[in-house]
Amino acid sequence: MSVLAAGDVSPGLLGFTVVAVIGIALWFLIKSMNKQMGKIKVPHEADIDDKKAE
């Protein structure tokens, strides 16, 4: 076990907790974004040409 000298700073448990919470939030945001992207309906090129012909 290393001993910190006076004036040295360590992130400790609080730093780990903050990084872990940000990582978990990022995981949920990416999961939600992928679900929302799956709901997007992209028109095919043939559908666009049919609408222009009308």
N, C-alpha and C. Protein backbone atom coordinates (compact mmCIF):
# COMPACT_ATOMS: atom_id res chain seq x y z
N MET A 1 0.85 -1.18 0.00
CA MET A 1 0.00 0.00 0.00
C MET A 1 0.89 1.23 0.00
N SER A 2 0.61 2.16 -0.89
CA SER A 2 1.42 3.37 -0.95
C SER A 2 0.79 4.45 -0.09
N VAL A 3 1.66 5.23 0.52
CA VAL A 3 1.21 6.32 1.37
C VAL A 3 1.37 7.61 0.59
N LEU A 4 0.32 8.43 0.57
CA LEU A 4 0.38 9.71 -0.13
C LEU A 4 1.14 10.73 0.69
N ALA A 5 1.97 11.47 0.01
CA ALA A 5 2.68 12.55 0.69
C ALA A 5 1.74 13.72 0.88
N ALA A 6 2.09 14.61 1.76
CA ALA A 6 1.28 15.79 2.01
C ALA A 6 1.19 16.61 0.72
N GLY A 7 0.00 17.00 0.33
CA GLY A 7 -0.19 17.78 -0.89
C GLY A 7 -0.57 16.93 -2.09
N ASP A 8 -0.40 15.61 -2.01
CA ASP A 8 -0.82 14.74 -3.12
C ASP A 8 -2.34 14.60 -3.08
N VAL A 9 -2.90 14.46 -4.26
CA VAL A 9 -4.36 14.37 -4.36
C VAL A 9 -4.71 13.05 -5.04
N SER A 10 -5.72 12.38 -4.54
CA SER A 10 -6.19 11.12 -5.09
C SER A 10 -7.70 11.23 -5.32
N PRO A 11 -8.20 10.66 -6.42
CA PRO A 11 -9.65 10.77 -6.67
C PRO A 11 -10.48 10.00 -5.65
N GLY A 12 -9.98 8.89 -5.17
CA GLY A 12 -10.67 8.14 -4.13
C GLY A 12 -12.00 7.56 -4.57
N LEU A 13 -12.80 7.23 -3.61
CA LEU A 13 -14.10 6.59 -3.86
C LEU A 13 -15.07 7.54 -4.55
N LEU A 14 -15.05 8.80 -4.20
CA LEU A 14 -15.95 9.76 -4.82
C LEU A 14 -15.66 9.89 -6.32
N GLY A 15 -14.41 9.97 -6.68
CA GLY A 15 -14.05 10.07 -8.10
C GLY A 15 -14.48 8.84 -8.87
N PHE A 16 -14.26 7.66 -8.29
CA PHE A 16 -14.69 6.42 -8.95
C PHE A 16 -16.20 6.40 -9.10
N THR A 17 -16.92 6.82 -8.08
CA THR A 17 -18.39 6.81 -8.12
C THR A 17 -18.90 7.74 -9.21
N VAL A 18 -18.33 8.92 -9.32
CA VAL A 18 -18.77 9.87 -10.35
C VAL A 18 -18.54 9.30 -11.74
N VAL A 19 -17.35 8.73 -11.98
CA VAL A 19 -17.05 8.16 -13.29
C VAL A 19 -17.96 6.97 -13.58
N ALA A 20 -18.23 6.13 -12.59
CA ALA A 20 -19.11 4.98 -12.78
C ALA A 20 -20.54 5.42 -13.11
N VAL A 21 -21.05 6.44 -12.42
CA VAL A 21 -22.41 6.94 -12.68
C VAL A 21 -22.49 7.53 -14.09
N ILE A 22 -21.47 8.28 -14.50
CA ILE A 22 -21.47 8.84 -15.86
C ILE A 22 -21.44 7.72 -16.89
N GLY A 23 -20.65 6.68 -16.64
CA GLY A 23 -20.59 5.55 -17.56
C GLY A 23 -21.93 4.82 -17.67
N ILE A 24 -22.59 4.61 -16.55
CA ILE A 24 -23.91 3.95 -16.57
C ILE A 24 -24.93 4.82 -17.29
N ALA A 25 -24.91 6.13 -17.04
CA ALA A 25 -25.84 7.03 -17.72
C ALA A 25 -25.59 7.02 -19.23
N LEU A 26 -24.33 7.00 -19.62
CA LEU A 26 -23.99 6.94 -21.05
C LEU A 26 -24.51 5.66 -21.68
N TRP A 27 -24.38 4.55 -20.96
CA TRP A 27 -24.87 3.27 -21.48
C TRP A 27 -26.39 3.33 -21.72
N PHE A 28 -27.13 3.88 -20.74
CA PHE A 28 -28.58 4.00 -20.91
C PHE A 28 -28.94 4.96 -22.05
N LEU A 29 -28.21 6.05 -22.20
CA LEU A 29 -28.48 6.99 -23.29
C LEU A 29 -28.24 6.35 -24.65
N ILE A 30 -27.16 5.60 -24.79
CA ILE A 30 -26.88 4.93 -26.06
C ILE A 30 -27.94 3.88 -26.36
N LYS A 31 -28.36 3.14 -25.34
CA LYS A 31 -29.41 2.13 -25.51
C LYS A 31 -30.71 2.78 -25.98
N SER A 32 -31.08 3.91 -25.36
CA SER A 32 -32.29 4.63 -25.73
C SER A 32 -32.18 5.19 -27.14
N MET A 33 -31.01 5.73 -27.49
CA MET A 33 -30.81 6.29 -28.82
C MET A 33 -30.96 5.21 -29.89
N ASN A 34 -30.42 4.03 -29.63
CA ASN A 34 -30.54 2.94 -30.61
C ASN A 34 -32.00 2.54 -30.80
N LYS A 35 -32.78 2.55 -29.72
CA LYS A 35 -34.21 2.22 -29.84
C LYS A 35 -34.92 3.28 -30.67
N GLN A 36 -34.63 4.55 -30.43
CA GLN A 36 -35.27 5.63 -31.18
C GLN A 36 -34.85 5.61 -32.65
N MET A 37 -33.59 5.31 -32.93
CA MET A 37 -33.12 5.24 -34.31
C MET A 37 -33.81 4.10 -35.07
N GLY A 38 -34.14 3.03 -34.35
CA GLY A 38 -34.84 1.91 -34.98
C GLY A 38 -36.26 2.26 -35.38
N LYS A 39 -36.85 3.26 -34.76
CA LYS A 39 -38.23 3.66 -35.07
C LYS A 39 -38.32 4.54 -36.31
N ILE A 40 -37.20 5.06 -36.78
CA ILE A 40 -37.20 5.98 -37.91
C ILE A 40 -37.47 5.21 -39.20
N LYS A 41 -38.43 5.68 -39.95
CA LYS A 41 -38.76 5.06 -41.23
C LYS A 41 -38.10 5.87 -42.34
N VAL A 42 -37.18 5.25 -43.04
CA VAL A 42 -36.47 5.92 -44.13
C VAL A 42 -37.16 5.54 -45.43
N PRO A 43 -37.62 6.52 -46.20
CA PRO A 43 -38.28 6.19 -47.46
C PRO A 43 -37.27 5.64 -48.48
N HIS A 44 -37.73 4.66 -49.24
CA HIS A 44 -36.90 4.09 -50.29
C HIS A 44 -36.90 5.02 -51.50
N GLU A 45 -35.93 4.89 -52.35
CA GLU A 45 -35.81 5.77 -53.51
C GLU A 45 -37.02 5.63 -54.44
N ALA A 46 -37.56 4.43 -54.54
CA ALA A 46 -38.73 4.21 -55.40
C ALA A 46 -39.95 4.97 -54.87
N ASP A 47 -40.11 5.03 -53.55
CA ASP A 47 -41.23 5.76 -52.96
C ASP A 47 -41.12 7.25 -53.26
N ILE A 48 -39.93 7.78 -53.23
CA ILE A 48 -39.71 9.20 -53.51
C ILE A 48 -40.04 9.50 -54.97
N ASP A 49 -39.62 8.63 -55.89
CA ASP A 49 -39.92 8.81 -57.31
C ASP A 49 -41.42 8.75 -57.58
N ASP A 50 -42.14 7.87 -56.87
CA ASP A 50 -43.59 7.77 -57.05
C ASP A 50 -44.28 9.06 -56.61
N LYS A 51 -43.84 9.65 -55.54
CA LYS A 51 -44.48 10.89 -55.06
C LYS A 51 -44.20 12.05 -56.01
N LYS A 52 -43.03 12.07 -56.63
CA LYS A 52 -42.71 13.14 -57.58
C LYS A 52 -43.53 13.00 -58.85
N ALA A 53 -43.89 11.75 -59.22
CA ALA A 53 -44.65 11.53 -60.45
C ALA A 53 -46.10 11.98 -60.29
N GLU A 54 -46.59 12.04 -59.07
CA GLU A 54 -48.01 12.41 -58.86
C GLU A 54 -48.26 13.85 -59.05
